[in-house]
Amino acid sequence: MNNRLLLLLMMLVVMVCGWQLYEGHKRERLLSQQVQQLTQDVNRLEQRLLVVEAEAEQLRSESMGEVVRKANGALLDAWKGLLQKLDQEVDEAREEIERRYQSPEESPEETSSDTLKRT
């Protein structure tokens, strides 16, 4: 009886060890599958990150280009306004000169002396 009990106990130990081994392999396969899935997810996320970074860089370059274009436009508008104002001042000065030279009381010599006195 002692031998039978010992044999039964050994078979029970072998069965428990076998079951633990089976469960260990099963868990290892499951973890391996999860690692594979997570690796694939990481790879997909890295690819998406590269795409997003490229789009962000494109937006930065486009926005910088847009800022430069707006600054150039503002500069050109300012120059245009300055030139228009200069043209207006030149026209007013020309009209003033023509008016002075055409007035009967003043002669060009008097106007030149007046201008020299003012300066």
PDB file of N, CA and C in Angstrom:
ATOM      1  N   MET A   1       0.814  -1.181   0.000  1.00  0.00           N
ATOM      2  CA  MET A   1       0.000   0.000   0.000  1.00  0.00           C
ATOM      3  C   MET A   1       0.863   1.253   0.000  1.00  0.00           C
ATOM      4  N   ASN A   2       1.921   1.160   0.684  1.00  0.00           N
ATOM      5  CA  ASN A   2       2.831   2.277   0.736  1.00  0.00           C
ATOM      6  C   ASN A   2       3.391   2.604  -0.649  1.00  0.00           C
ATOM      7  N   ASN A   3       3.695   1.565  -1.405  1.00  0.00           N
ATOM      8  CA  ASN A   3       4.215   1.770  -2.753  1.00  0.00           C
ATOM      9  C   ASN A   3       3.146   2.374  -3.663  1.00  0.00           C
ATOM     10  N   ARG A   4       1.942   1.896  -3.499  1.00  0.00           N
ATOM     11  CA  ARG A   4       0.842   2.430  -4.323  1.00  0.00           C
ATOM     12  C   ARG A   4       0.590   3.883  -3.984  1.00  0.00           C
ATOM     13  N   LEU A   5       0.624   4.192  -2.737  1.00  0.00           N
ATOM     14  CA  LEU A   5       0.412   5.582  -2.324  1.00  0.00           C
ATOM     15  C   LEU A   5       1.542   6.459  -2.846  1.00  0.00           C
ATOM     16  N   LEU A   6       2.741   5.940  -2.766  1.00  0.00           N
ATOM     17  CA  LEU A   6       3.887   6.683  -3.269  1.00  0.00           C
ATOM     18  C   LEU A   6       3.792   6.844  -4.789  1.00  0.00           C
ATOM     19  N   LEU A   7       3.399   5.810  -5.486  1.00  0.00           N
ATOM     20  CA  LEU A   7       3.223   5.881  -6.935  1.00  0.00           C
ATOM     21  C   LEU A   7       2.120   6.867  -7.294  1.00  0.00           C
ATOM     22  N   LEU A   8       1.034   6.801  -6.570  1.00  0.00           N
ATOM     23  CA  LEU A   8      -0.072   7.738  -6.799  1.00  0.00           C
ATOM     24  C   LEU A   8       0.369   9.174  -6.539  1.00  0.00           C
ATOM     25  N   LEU A   9       1.114   9.364  -5.491  1.00  0.00           N
ATOM     26  CA  LEU A   9       1.607  10.703  -5.170  1.00  0.00           C
ATOM     27  C   LEU A   9       2.577  11.195  -6.239  1.00  0.00           C
ATOM     28  N   MET A  10       3.430  10.343  -6.731  1.00  0.00           N
ATOM     29  CA  MET A  10       4.368  10.724  -7.794  1.00  0.00           C
ATOM     30  C   MET A  10       3.625  11.060  -9.078  1.00  0.00           C
ATOM     31  N   MET A  11       2.592  10.277  -9.383  1.00  0.00           N
ATOM     32  CA  MET A  11       1.810  10.575 -10.590  1.00  0.00           C
ATOM     33  C   MET A  11       1.085  11.901 -10.439  1.00  0.00           C
ATOM     34  N   LEU A  12       0.622  12.159  -9.238  1.00  0.00           N
ATOM     35  CA  LEU A  12      -0.033  13.436  -8.979  1.00  0.00           C
ATOM     36  C   LEU A  12       0.957  14.593  -9.121  1.00  0.00           C
ATOM     37  N   VAL A  13       2.164  14.432  -8.644  1.00  0.00           N
ATOM     38  CA  VAL A  13       3.208  15.462  -8.782  1.00  0.00           C
ATOM     39  C   VAL A  13       3.556  15.658 -10.249  1.00  0.00           C
ATOM     40  N   VAL A  14       3.694  14.570 -10.990  1.00  0.00           N
ATOM     41  CA  VAL A  14       4.001  14.656 -12.431  1.00  0.00           C
ATOM     42  C   VAL A  14       2.869  15.359 -13.164  1.00  0.00           C
ATOM     43  N   MET A  15       1.632  15.022 -12.807  1.00  0.00           N
ATOM     44  CA  MET A  15       0.479  15.670 -13.457  1.00  0.00           C
ATOM     45  C   MET A  15       0.448  17.167 -13.135  1.00  0.00           C
ATOM     46  N   VAL A  16       0.705  17.534 -11.890  1.00  0.00           N
ATOM     47  CA  VAL A  16       0.711  18.954 -11.505  1.00  0.00           C
ATOM     48  C   VAL A  16       1.836  19.673 -12.227  1.00  0.00           C
ATOM     49  N   CYS A  17       3.007  19.053 -12.280  1.00  0.00           N
ATOM     50  CA  CYS A  17       4.134  19.678 -13.004  1.00  0.00           C
ATOM     51  C   CYS A  17       3.805  19.816 -14.491  1.00  0.00           C
ATOM     52  N   GLY A  18       3.218  18.800 -15.062  1.00  0.00           N
ATOM     53  CA  GLY A  18       2.822  18.861 -16.478  1.00  0.00           C
ATOM     54  C   GLY A  18       1.787  19.956 -16.711  1.00  0.00           C
ATOM     55  N   TRP A  19       0.817  20.026 -15.815  1.00  0.00           N
ATOM     56  CA  TRP A  19      -0.214  21.071 -15.948  1.00  0.00           C
ATOM     57  C   TRP A  19       0.412  22.464 -15.817  1.00  0.00           C
ATOM     58  N   GLN A  20       1.335  22.645 -14.881  1.00  0.00           N
ATOM     59  CA  GLN A  20       2.005  23.940 -14.725  1.00  0.00           C
ATOM     60  C   GLN A  20       2.845  24.259 -15.952  1.00  0.00           C
ATOM     61  N   LEU A  21       3.510  23.250 -16.485  1.00  0.00           N
ATOM     62  CA  LEU A  21       4.295  23.447 -17.704  1.00  0.00           C
ATOM     63  C   LEU A  21       3.392  23.861 -18.864  1.00  0.00           C
ATOM     64  N   TYR A  22       2.257  23.148 -18.998  1.00  0.00           N
ATOM     65  CA  TYR A  22       1.289  23.494 -20.043  1.00  0.00           C
ATOM     66  C   TYR A  22       0.788  24.920 -19.868  1.00  0.00           C
ATOM     67  N   GLU A  23       0.389  25.293 -18.654  1.00  0.00           N
ATOM     68  CA  GLU A  23      -0.101  26.650 -18.380  1.00  0.00           C
ATOM     69  C   GLU A  23       0.995  27.694 -18.619  1.00  0.00           C
ATOM     70  N   GLY A  24       2.238  27.348 -18.275  1.00  0.00           N
ATOM     71  CA  GLY A  24       3.366  28.263 -18.502  1.00  0.00           C
ATOM     72  C   GLY A  24       3.565  28.538 -19.992  1.00  0.00           C
ATOM     73  N   HIS A  25       3.518  27.462 -20.795  1.00  0.00           N
ATOM     74  CA  HIS A  25       3.651  27.623 -22.248  1.00  0.00           C
ATOM     75  C   HIS A  25       2.473  28.400 -22.832  1.00  0.00           C
ATOM     76  N   LYS A  26       1.307  28.097 -22.322  1.00  0.00           N
ATOM     77  CA  LYS A  26       0.107  28.790 -22.784  1.00  0.00           C
ATOM     78  C   LYS A  26       0.237  30.303 -22.491  1.00  0.00           C
ATOM     79  N   ARG A  27       0.662  30.628 -21.274  1.00  0.00           N
ATOM     80  CA  ARG A  27       0.825  32.023 -20.880  1.00  0.00           C
ATOM     81  C   ARG A  27       1.935  32.678 -21.719  1.00  0.00           C
ATOM     82  N   GLU A  28       3.000  31.939 -21.992  1.00  0.00           N
ATOM     83  CA  GLU A  28       4.102  32.461 -22.793  1.00  0.00           C
ATOM     84  C   GLU A  28       3.636  32.778 -24.213  1.00  0.00           C
ATOM     85  N   ARG A  29       2.840  31.872 -24.799  1.00  0.00           N
ATOM     86  CA  ARG A  29       2.288  32.137 -26.140  1.00  0.00           C
ATOM     87  C   ARG A  29       1.405  33.378 -26.142  1.00  0.00           C
ATOM     88  N   LEU A  30       0.563  33.484 -25.113  1.00  0.00           N
ATOM     89  CA  LEU A  30      -0.322  34.644 -25.011  1.00  0.00           C
ATOM     90  C   LEU A  30       0.486  35.939 -24.880  1.00  0.00           C
ATOM     91  N   LEU A  31       1.507  35.906 -24.036  1.00  0.00           N
ATOM     92  CA  LEU A  31       2.351  37.091 -23.870  1.00  0.00           C
ATOM     93  C   LEU A  31       3.128  37.401 -25.149  1.00  0.00           C
ATOM     94  N   SER A  32       3.563  36.370 -25.846  1.00  0.00           N
ATOM     95  CA  SER A  32       4.269  36.557 -27.109  1.00  0.00           C
ATOM     96  C   SER A  32       3.357  37.230 -28.139  1.00  0.00           C
ATOM     97  N   GLN A  33       2.102  36.774 -28.195  1.00  0.00           N
ATOM     98  CA  GLN A  33       1.139  37.381 -29.105  1.00  0.00           C
ATOM     99  C   GLN A  33       0.893  38.847 -28.729  1.00  0.00           C
ATOM    100  N   GLN A  34       0.796  39.115 -27.437  1.00  0.00           N
ATOM    101  CA  GLN A  34       0.581  40.488 -26.997  1.00  0.00           C
ATOM    102  C   GLN A  34       1.787  41.363 -27.344  1.00  0.00           C
ATOM    103  N   VAL A  35       2.992  40.818 -27.183  1.00  0.00           N
ATOM    104  CA  VAL A  35       4.204  41.568 -27.534  1.00  0.00           C
ATOM    105  C   VAL A  35       4.215  41.861 -29.032  1.00  0.00           C
ATOM    106  N   GLN A  36       3.855  40.873 -29.845  1.00  0.00           N
ATOM    107  CA  GLN A  36       3.785  41.086 -31.292  1.00  0.00           C
ATOM    108  C   GLN A  36       2.772  42.174 -31.634  1.00  0.00           C
ATOM    109  N   GLN A  37       1.604  42.098 -31.021  1.00  0.00           N
ATOM    110  CA  GLN A  37       0.562  43.093 -31.276  1.00  0.00           C
ATOM    111  C   GLN A  37       1.042  44.487 -30.860  1.00  0.00           C
ATOM    112  N   LEU A  38       1.663  44.575 -29.698  1.00  0.00           N
ATOM    113  CA  LEU A  38       2.164  45.869 -29.226  1.00  0.00           C
ATOM    114  C   LEU A  38       3.289  46.391 -30.125  1.00  0.00           C
ATOM    115  N   THR A  39       4.127  45.496 -30.610  1.00  0.00           N
ATOM    116  CA  THR A  39       5.196  45.893 -31.533  1.00  0.00           C
ATOM    117  C   THR A  39       4.601  46.445 -32.823  1.00  0.00           C
ATOM    118  N   GLN A  40       3.583  45.784 -33.339  1.00  0.00           N
ATOM    119  CA  GLN A  40       2.913  46.275 -34.543  1.00  0.00           C
ATOM    120  C   GLN A  40       2.265  47.638 -34.277  1.00  0.00           C
ATOM    121  N   ASP A  41       1.633  47.767 -33.123  1.00  0.00           N
ATOM    122  CA  ASP A  41       1.017  49.054 -32.762  1.00  0.00           C
ATOM    123  C   ASP A  41       2.065  50.155 -32.681  1.00  0.00           C
ATOM    124  N   VAL A  42       3.201  49.860 -32.071  1.00  0.00           N
ATOM    125  CA  VAL A  42       4.284  50.846 -31.953  1.00  0.00           C
ATOM    126  C   VAL A  42       4.788  51.228 -33.339  1.00  0.00           C
ATOM    127  N   ASN A  43       4.963  50.248 -34.211  1.00  0.00           N
ATOM    128  CA  ASN A  43       5.426  50.539 -35.576  1.00  0.00           C
ATOM    129  C   ASN A  43       4.434  51.425 -36.316  1.00  0.00           C
ATOM    130  N   ARG A  44       3.141  51.111 -36.183  1.00  0.00           N
ATOM    131  CA  ARG A  44       2.117  51.941 -36.829  1.00  0.00           C
ATOM    132  C   ARG A  44       2.131  53.359 -36.266  1.00  0.00           C
ATOM    133  N   LEU A  45       2.273  53.470 -34.947  1.00  0.00           N
ATOM    134  CA  LEU A  45       2.307  54.791 -34.328  1.00  0.00           C
ATOM    135  C   LEU A  45       3.545  55.581 -34.749  1.00  0.00           C
ATOM    136  N   GLU A  46       4.669  54.891 -34.891  1.00  0.00           N
ATOM    137  CA  GLU A  46       5.879  55.570 -35.362  1.00  0.00           C
ATOM    138  C   GLU A  46       5.697  56.088 -36.780  1.00  0.00           C
ATOM    139  N   GLN A  47       5.064  55.292 -37.629  1.00  0.00           N
ATOM    140  CA  GLN A  47       4.799  55.732 -38.996  1.00  0.00           C
ATOM    141  C   GLN A  47       3.863  56.928 -39.003  1.00  0.00           C
ATOM    142  N   ARG A  48       2.825  56.871 -38.173  1.00  0.00           N
ATOM    143  CA  ARG A  48       1.888  58.001 -38.094  1.00  0.00           C
ATOM    144  C   ARG A  48       2.588  59.234 -37.555  1.00  0.00           C
ATOM    145  N   LEU A  49       3.484  59.041 -36.590  1.00  0.00           N
ATOM    146  CA  LEU A  49       4.243  60.155 -36.032  1.00  0.00           C
ATOM    147  C   LEU A  49       5.112  60.798 -37.100  1.00  0.00           C
ATOM    148  N   LEU A  50       5.743  59.991 -37.930  1.00  0.00           N
ATOM    149  CA  LEU A  50       6.555  60.539 -39.016  1.00  0.00           C
ATOM    150  C   LEU A  50       5.703  61.368 -39.978  1.00  0.00           C
ATOM    151  N   VAL A  51       4.521  60.856 -40.292  1.00  0.00           N
ATOM    152  CA  VAL A  51       3.616  61.585 -41.188  1.00  0.00           C
ATOM    153  C   VAL A  51       3.188  62.901 -40.544  1.00  0.00           C
ATOM    154  N   VAL A  52       2.831  62.848 -39.269  1.00  0.00           N
ATOM    155  CA  VAL A  52       2.385  64.056 -38.573  1.00  0.00           C
ATOM    156  C   VAL A  52       3.523  65.068 -38.466  1.00  0.00           C
ATOM    157  N   GLU A  53       4.730  64.592 -38.187  1.00  0.00           N
ATOM    158  CA  GLU A  53       5.880  65.497 -38.109  1.00  0.00           C
ATOM    159  C   GLU A  53       6.149  66.141 -39.461  1.00  0.00           C
ATOM    160  N   ALA A  54       6.022  65.375 -40.529  1.00  0.00           N
ATOM    161  CA  ALA A  54       6.220  65.927 -41.875  1.00  0.00           C
ATOM    162  C   ALA A  54       5.158  66.982 -42.174  1.00  0.00           C
ATOM    163  N   GLU A  55       3.912  66.691 -41.811  1.00  0.00           N
ATOM    164  CA  GLU A  55       2.844  67.669 -42.026  1.00  0.00           C
ATOM    165  C   GLU A  55       3.069  68.925 -41.186  1.00  0.00           C
ATOM    166  N   ALA A  56       3.521  68.739 -39.950  1.00  0.00           N
ATOM    167  CA  ALA A  56       3.790  69.888 -39.080  1.00  0.00           C
ATOM    168  C   ALA A  56       4.915  70.741 -39.665  1.00  0.00           C
ATOM    169  N   GLU A  57       5.949  70.102 -40.180  1.00  0.00           N
ATOM    170  CA  GLU A  57       7.059  70.843 -40.785  1.00  0.00           C
ATOM    171  C   GLU A  57       6.579  71.588 -42.025  1.00  0.00           C
ATOM    172  N   GLN A  58       5.717  70.936 -42.791  1.00  0.00           N
ATOM    173  CA  GLN A  58       5.167  71.594 -43.979  1.00  0.00           C
ATOM    174  C   GLN A  58       4.335  72.810 -43.566  1.00  0.00           C
ATOM    175  N   LEU A  59       3.525  72.655 -42.535  1.00  0.00           N
ATOM    176  CA  LEU A  59       2.730  73.785 -42.045  1.00  0.00           C
ATOM    177  C   LEU A  59       3.625  74.908 -41.536  1.00  0.00           C
ATOM    178  N   ARG A  60       4.702  74.539 -40.823  1.00  0.00           N
ATOM    179  CA  ARG A  60       5.628  75.567 -40.338  1.00  0.00           C
ATOM    180  C   ARG A  60       6.256  76.315 -41.497  1.00  0.00           C
ATOM    181  N   SER A  61       6.686  75.581 -42.516  1.00  0.00           N
ATOM    182  CA  SER A  61       7.332  76.244 -43.649  1.00  0.00           C
ATOM    183  C   SER A  61       6.323  77.083 -44.426  1.00  0.00           C
ATOM    184  N   GLU A  62       5.098  76.556 -44.561  1.00  0.00           N
ATOM    185  CA  GLU A  62       4.074  77.330 -45.259  1.00  0.00           C
ATOM    186  C   GLU A  62       3.687  78.564 -44.458  1.00  0.00           C
ATOM    187  N   SER A  63       3.567  78.424 -43.165  1.00  0.00           N
ATOM    188  CA  SER A  63       3.182  79.574 -42.364  1.00  0.00           C
ATOM    189  C   SER A  63       4.307  80.604 -42.349  1.00  0.00           C
ATOM    190  N   MET A  64       5.574  80.140 -42.336  1.00  0.00           N
ATOM    191  CA  MET A  64       6.694  81.068 -42.391  1.00  0.00           C
ATOM    192  C   MET A  64       6.689  81.779 -43.746  1.00  0.00           C
ATOM    193  N   GLY A  65       6.420  81.037 -44.797  1.00  0.00           N
ATOM    194  CA  GLY A  65       6.324  81.642 -46.126  1.00  0.00           C
ATOM    195  C   GLY A  65       5.187  82.644 -46.185  1.00  0.00           C
ATOM    196  N   GLU A  66       4.090  82.297 -45.533  1.00  0.00           N
ATOM    197  CA  GLU A  66       2.946  83.207 -45.509  1.00  0.00           C
ATOM    198  C   GLU A  66       3.295  84.474 -44.743  1.00  0.00           C
ATOM    199  N   VAL A  67       4.023  84.339 -43.646  1.00  0.00           N
ATOM    200  CA  VAL A  67       4.441  85.513 -42.876  1.00  0.00           C
ATOM    201  C   VAL A  67       5.348  86.394 -43.721  1.00  0.00           C
ATOM    202  N   VAL A  68       6.266  85.768 -44.443  1.00  0.00           N
ATOM    203  CA  VAL A  68       7.173  86.533 -45.303  1.00  0.00           C
ATOM    204  C   VAL A  68       6.391  87.230 -46.404  1.00  0.00           C
ATOM    205  N   ARG A  69       5.425  86.521 -46.989  1.00  0.00           N
ATOM    206  CA  ARG A  69       4.616  87.146 -48.046  1.00  0.00           C
ATOM    207  C   ARG A  69       3.827  88.339 -47.507  1.00  0.00           C
ATOM    208  N   LYS A  70       3.251  88.174 -46.315  1.00  0.00           N
ATOM    209  CA  LYS A  70       2.496  89.282 -45.727  1.00  0.00           C
ATOM    210  C   LYS A  70       3.408  90.455 -45.406  1.00  0.00           C
ATOM    211  N   ALA A  71       4.595  90.158 -44.886  1.00  0.00           N
ATOM    212  CA  ALA A  71       5.541  91.227 -44.576  1.00  0.00           C
ATOM    213  C   ALA A  71       5.972  91.943 -45.850  1.00  0.00           C
ATOM    214  N   ASN A  72       6.219  91.186 -46.905  1.00  0.00           N
ATOM    215  CA  ASN A  72       6.580  91.798 -48.186  1.00  0.00           C
ATOM    216  C   ASN A  72       5.431  92.652 -48.716  1.00  0.00           C
ATOM    217  N   GLY A  73       4.221  92.139 -48.595  1.00  0.00           N
ATOM    218  CA  GLY A  73       3.052  92.908 -49.043  1.00  0.00           C
ATOM    219  C   GLY A  73       2.908  94.202 -48.261  1.00  0.00           C
ATOM    220  N   ALA A  74       3.098  94.125 -46.942  1.00  0.00           N
ATOM    221  CA  ALA A  74       2.999  95.333 -46.118  1.00  0.00           C
ATOM    222  C   ALA A  74       4.094  96.317 -46.484  1.00  0.00           C
ATOM    223  N   LEU A  75       5.299  95.813 -46.723  1.00  0.00           N
ATOM    224  CA  LEU A  75       6.403  96.685 -47.118  1.00  0.00           C
ATOM    225  C   LEU A  75       6.123  97.353 -48.458  1.00  0.00           C
ATOM    226  N   LEU A  76       5.620  96.574 -49.400  1.00  0.00           N
ATOM    227  CA  LEU A  76       5.292  97.147 -50.707  1.00  0.00           C
ATOM    228  C   LEU A  76       4.165  98.174 -50.603  1.00  0.00           C
ATOM    229  N   ASP A  77       3.160  97.890 -49.767  1.00  0.00           N
ATOM    230  CA  ASP A  77       2.084  98.863 -49.560  1.00  0.00           C
ATOM    231  C   ASP A  77       2.618 100.149 -48.945  1.00  0.00           C
ATOM    232  N   ALA A  78       3.542 100.012 -47.999  1.00  0.00           N
ATOM    233  CA  ALA A  78       4.117 101.201 -47.365  1.00  0.00           C
ATOM    234  C   ALA A  78       4.907 102.019 -48.379  1.00  0.00           C
ATOM    235  N   TRP A  79       5.708 101.342 -49.198  1.00  0.00           N
ATOM    236  CA  TRP A  79       6.455 102.055 -50.227  1.00  0.00           C
ATOM    237  C   TRP A  79       5.504 102.723 -51.226  1.00  0.00           C
ATOM    238  N   LYS A  80       4.462 102.028 -51.584  1.00  0.00           N
ATOM    239  CA  LYS A  80       3.483 102.594 -52.524  1.00  0.00           C
ATOM    240  C   LYS A  80       2.856 103.846 -51.925  1.00  0.00           C
ATOM    241  N   GLY A  81       2.471 103.762 -50.646  1.00  0.00           N
ATOM    242  CA  GLY A  81       1.904 104.937 -49.970  1.00  0.00           C
ATOM    243  C   GLY A  81       2.894 106.070 -49.896  1.00  0.00           C
ATOM    244  N   LEU A  82       4.154 105.749 -49.605  1.00  0.00           N
ATOM    245  CA  LEU A  82       5.190 106.781 -49.530  1.00  0.00           C
ATOM    246  C   LEU A  82       5.399 107.441 -50.888  1.00  0.00           C
ATOM    247  N   LEU A  83       5.442 106.636 -51.933  1.00  0.00           N
ATOM    248  CA  LEU A  83       5.620 107.203 -53.279  1.00  0.00           C
ATOM    249  C   LEU A  83       4.415 108.045 -53.694  1.00  0.00           C
ATOM    250  N   GLN A  84       3.221 107.611 -53.326  1.00  0.00           N
ATOM    251  CA  GLN A  84       2.032 108.408 -53.637  1.00  0.00           C
ATOM    252  C   GLN A  84       2.078 109.745 -52.903  1.00  0.00           C
ATOM    253  N   LYS A  85       2.467 109.702 -51.651  1.00  0.00           N
ATOM    254  CA  LYS A  85       2.582 110.931 -50.865  1.00  0.00           C
ATOM    255  C   LYS A  85       3.652 111.836 -51.460  1.00  0.00           C
ATOM    256  N   LEU A  86       4.775 111.257 -51.883  1.00  0.00           N
ATOM    257  CA  LEU A  86       5.832 112.033 -52.514  1.00  0.00           C
ATOM    258  C   LEU A  86       5.343 112.656 -53.811  1.00  0.00           C
ATOM    259  N   ASP A  87       4.629 111.881 -54.622  1.00  0.00           N
ATOM    260  CA  ASP A  87       4.062 112.431 -55.860  1.00  0.00           C
ATOM    261  C   ASP A  87       3.105 113.577 -55.555  1.00  0.00           C
ATOM    262  N   GLN A  88       2.288 113.394 -54.536  1.00  0.00           N
ATOM    263  CA  GLN A  88       1.345 114.440 -54.145  1.00  0.00           C
ATOM    264  C   GLN A  88       2.088 115.700 -53.709  1.00  0.00           C
ATOM    265  N   GLU A  89       3.133 115.550 -52.910  1.00  0.00           N
ATOM    266  CA  GLU A  89       3.921 116.697 -52.450  1.00  0.00           C
ATOM    267  C   GLU A  89       4.619 117.380 -53.620  1.00  0.00           C
ATOM    268  N   VAL A  90       5.145 116.590 -54.552  1.00  0.00           N
ATOM    269  CA  VAL A  90       5.804 117.168 -55.732  1.00  0.00           C
ATOM    270  C   VAL A  90       4.788 117.939 -56.568  1.00  0.00           C
ATOM    271  N   ASP A  91       3.602 117.365 -56.762  1.00  0.00           N
ATOM    272  CA  ASP A  91       2.559 118.059 -57.531  1.00  0.00           C
ATOM    273  C   ASP A  91       2.159 119.358 -56.844  1.00  0.00           C
ATOM    274  N   GLU A  92       1.988 119.323 -55.525  1.00  0.00           N
ATOM    275  CA  GLU A  92       1.632 120.540 -54.796  1.00  0.00           C
ATOM    276  C   GLU A  92       2.737 121.583 -54.884  1.00  0.00           C
ATOM    277  N   ALA A  93       3.986 121.140 -54.796  1.00  0.00           N
ATOM    278  CA  ALA A  93       5.108 122.079 -54.916  1.00  0.00           C
ATOM    279  C   ALA A  93       5.160 122.663 -56.321  1.00  0.00           C
ATOM    280  N   ARG A  94       4.924 121.837 -57.331  1.00  0.00           N
ATOM    281  CA  ARG A  94       4.925 122.319 -58.716  1.00  0.00           C
ATOM    282  C   ARG A  94       3.818 123.353 -58.911  1.00  0.00           C
ATOM    283  N   GLU A  95       2.629 123.049 -58.368  1.00  0.00           N
ATOM    284  CA  GLU A  95       1.521 124.001 -58.488  1.00  0.00           C
ATOM    285  C   GLU A  95       1.846 125.303 -57.761  1.00  0.00           C
ATOM    286  N   GLU A  96       2.477 125.215 -56.618  1.00  0.00           N
ATOM    287  CA  GLU A  96       2.860 126.403 -55.860  1.00  0.00           C
ATOM    288  C   GLU A  96       3.867 127.224 -56.643  1.00  0.00           C
ATOM    289  N   ILE A  97       4.834 126.552 -57.238  1.00  0.00           N
ATOM    290  CA  ILE A  97       5.847 127.271 -58.043  1.00  0.00           C
ATOM    291  C   ILE A  97       5.189 127.923 -59.247  1.00  0.00           C
ATOM    292  N   GLU A  98       4.338 127.175 -59.925  1.00  0.00           N
ATOM    293  CA  GLU A  98       3.655 127.736 -61.103  1.00  0.00           C
ATOM    294  C   GLU A  98       2.783 128.925 -60.704  1.00  0.00           C
ATOM    295  N   ARG A  99       2.121 128.798 -59.576  1.00  0.00           N
ATOM    296  CA  ARG A  99       1.268 129.891 -59.114  1.00  0.00           C
ATOM    297  C   ARG A  99       2.115 131.117 -58.783  1.00  0.00           C
ATOM    298  N   ARG A 100       3.245 130.938 -58.166  1.00  0.00           N
ATOM    299  CA  ARG A 100       4.099 132.073 -57.812  1.00  0.00           C
ATOM    300  C   ARG A 100       4.664 132.754 -59.057  1.00  0.00           C
ATOM    301  N   TYR A 101       5.089 131.952 -59.997  1.00  0.00           N
ATOM    302  CA  TYR A 101       5.675 132.543 -61.209  1.00  0.00           C
ATOM    303  C   TYR A 101       4.625 133.195 -62.094  1.00  0.00           C
ATOM    304  N   GLN A 102       3.397 132.774 -61.990  1.00  0.00           N
ATOM    305  CA  GLN A 102       2.351 133.335 -62.828  1.00  0.00           C
ATOM    306  C   GLN A 102       1.691 134.551 -62.193  1.00  0.00           C
ATOM    307  N   SER A 103       1.932 134.788 -60.923  1.00  0.00           N
ATOM    308  CA  SER A 103       1.308 135.953 -60.303  1.00  0.00           C
ATOM    309  C   SER A 103       1.995 137.215 -60.801  1.00  0.00           C
ATOM    310  N   PRO A 104       1.248 138.286 -61.091  1.00  0.00           N
ATOM    311  CA  PRO A 104       1.815 139.488 -61.698  1.00  0.00           C
ATOM    312  C   PRO A 104       2.709 140.276 -60.718  1.00  0.00           C
ATOM    313  N   GLU A 105       2.489 140.161 -59.420  1.00  0.00           N
ATOM    314  CA  GLU A 105       3.282 140.956 -58.506  1.00  0.00           C
ATOM    315  C   GLU A 105       4.683 140.415 -58.346  1.00  0.00           C
ATOM    316  N   GLU A 106       4.865 139.112 -58.440  1.00  0.00           N
ATOM    317  CA  GLU A 106       6.169 138.537 -58.165  1.00  0.00           C
ATOM    318  C   GLU A 106       6.851 138.124 -59.447  1.00  0.00           C
ATOM    319  N   SER A 107       8.126 138.308 -59.444  1.00  0.00           N
ATOM    320  CA  SER A 107       8.924 137.832 -60.565  1.00  0.00           C
ATOM    321  C   SER A 107       9.756 136.662 -60.059  1.00  0.00           C
ATOM    322  N   PRO A 108      10.340 135.883 -60.940  1.00  0.00           N
ATOM    323  CA  PRO A 108      11.145 134.739 -60.509  1.00  0.00           C
ATOM    324  C   PRO A 108      12.320 135.154 -59.627  1.00  0.00           C
ATOM    325  N   GLU A 109      12.882 136.332 -59.873  1.00  0.00           N
ATOM    326  CA  GLU A 109      14.021 136.759 -59.068  1.00  0.00           C
ATOM    327  C   GLU A 109      13.591 136.995 -57.621  1.00  0.00           C
ATOM    328  N   GLU A 110      12.402 137.615 -57.428  1.00  0.00           N
ATOM    329  CA  GLU A 110      11.926 137.884 -56.083  1.00  0.00           C
ATOM    330  C   GLU A 110      11.641 136.566 -55.349  1.00  0.00           C
ATOM    331  N   THR A 111      11.097 135.631 -56.074  1.00  0.00           N
ATOM    332  CA  THR A 111      10.780 134.349 -55.468  1.00  0.00           C
ATOM    333  C   THR A 111      12.063 133.652 -55.027  1.00  0.00           C
ATOM    334  N   SER A 112      13.124 133.701 -55.828  1.00  0.00           N
ATOM    335  CA  SER A 112      14.370 133.074 -55.466  1.00  0.00           C
ATOM    336  C   SER A 112      14.977 133.731 -54.234  1.00  0.00           C
ATOM    337  N   SER A 113      14.890 135.043 -54.143  1.00  0.00           N
ATOM    338  CA  SER A 113      15.443 135.711 -52.975  1.00  0.00           C
ATOM    339  C   SER A 113      14.628 135.383 -51.741  1.00  0.00           C
ATOM    340  N   ASP A 114      13.291 135.272 -51.893  1.00  0.00           N
ATOM    341  CA  ASP A 114      12.452 134.876 -50.776  1.00  0.00           C
ATOM    342  C   ASP A 114      12.809 133.467 -50.309  1.00  0.00           C
ATOM    343  N   THR A 115      13.035 132.602 -51.246  1.00  0.00           N
ATOM    344  CA  THR A 115      13.388 131.226 -50.910  1.00  0.00           C
ATOM    345  C   THR A 115      14.732 131.190 -50.196  1.00  0.00           C
ATOM    346  N   LEU A 116      15.692 131.998 -50.665  1.00  0.00           N
ATOM    347  CA  LEU A 116      16.995 132.039 -50.011  1.00  0.00           C
ATOM    348  C   LEU A 116      16.902 132.593 -48.599  1.00  0.00           C
ATOM    349  N   LYS A 117      16.042 133.611 -48.396  1.00  0.00           N
ATOM    350  CA  LYS A 117      15.880 134.189 -47.069  1.00  0.00           C
ATOM    351  C   LYS A 117      15.269 133.155 -46.118  1.00  0.00           C
ATOM    352  N   ARG A 118      14.334 132.361 -46.604  1.00  0.00           N
ATOM    353  CA  ARG A 118      13.690 131.347 -45.752  1.00  0.00           C
ATOM    354  C   ARG A 118      14.646 130.236 -45.374  1.00  0.00           C
ATOM    355  N   THR A 119      15.555 129.959 -46.265  1.00  0.00           N
ATOM    356  CA  THR A 119      16.475 128.858 -46.002  1.00  0.00           C
ATOM    357  C   THR A 119      17.541 129.314 -45.104  1.00  0.00           C
TER     358      THR A 119
END
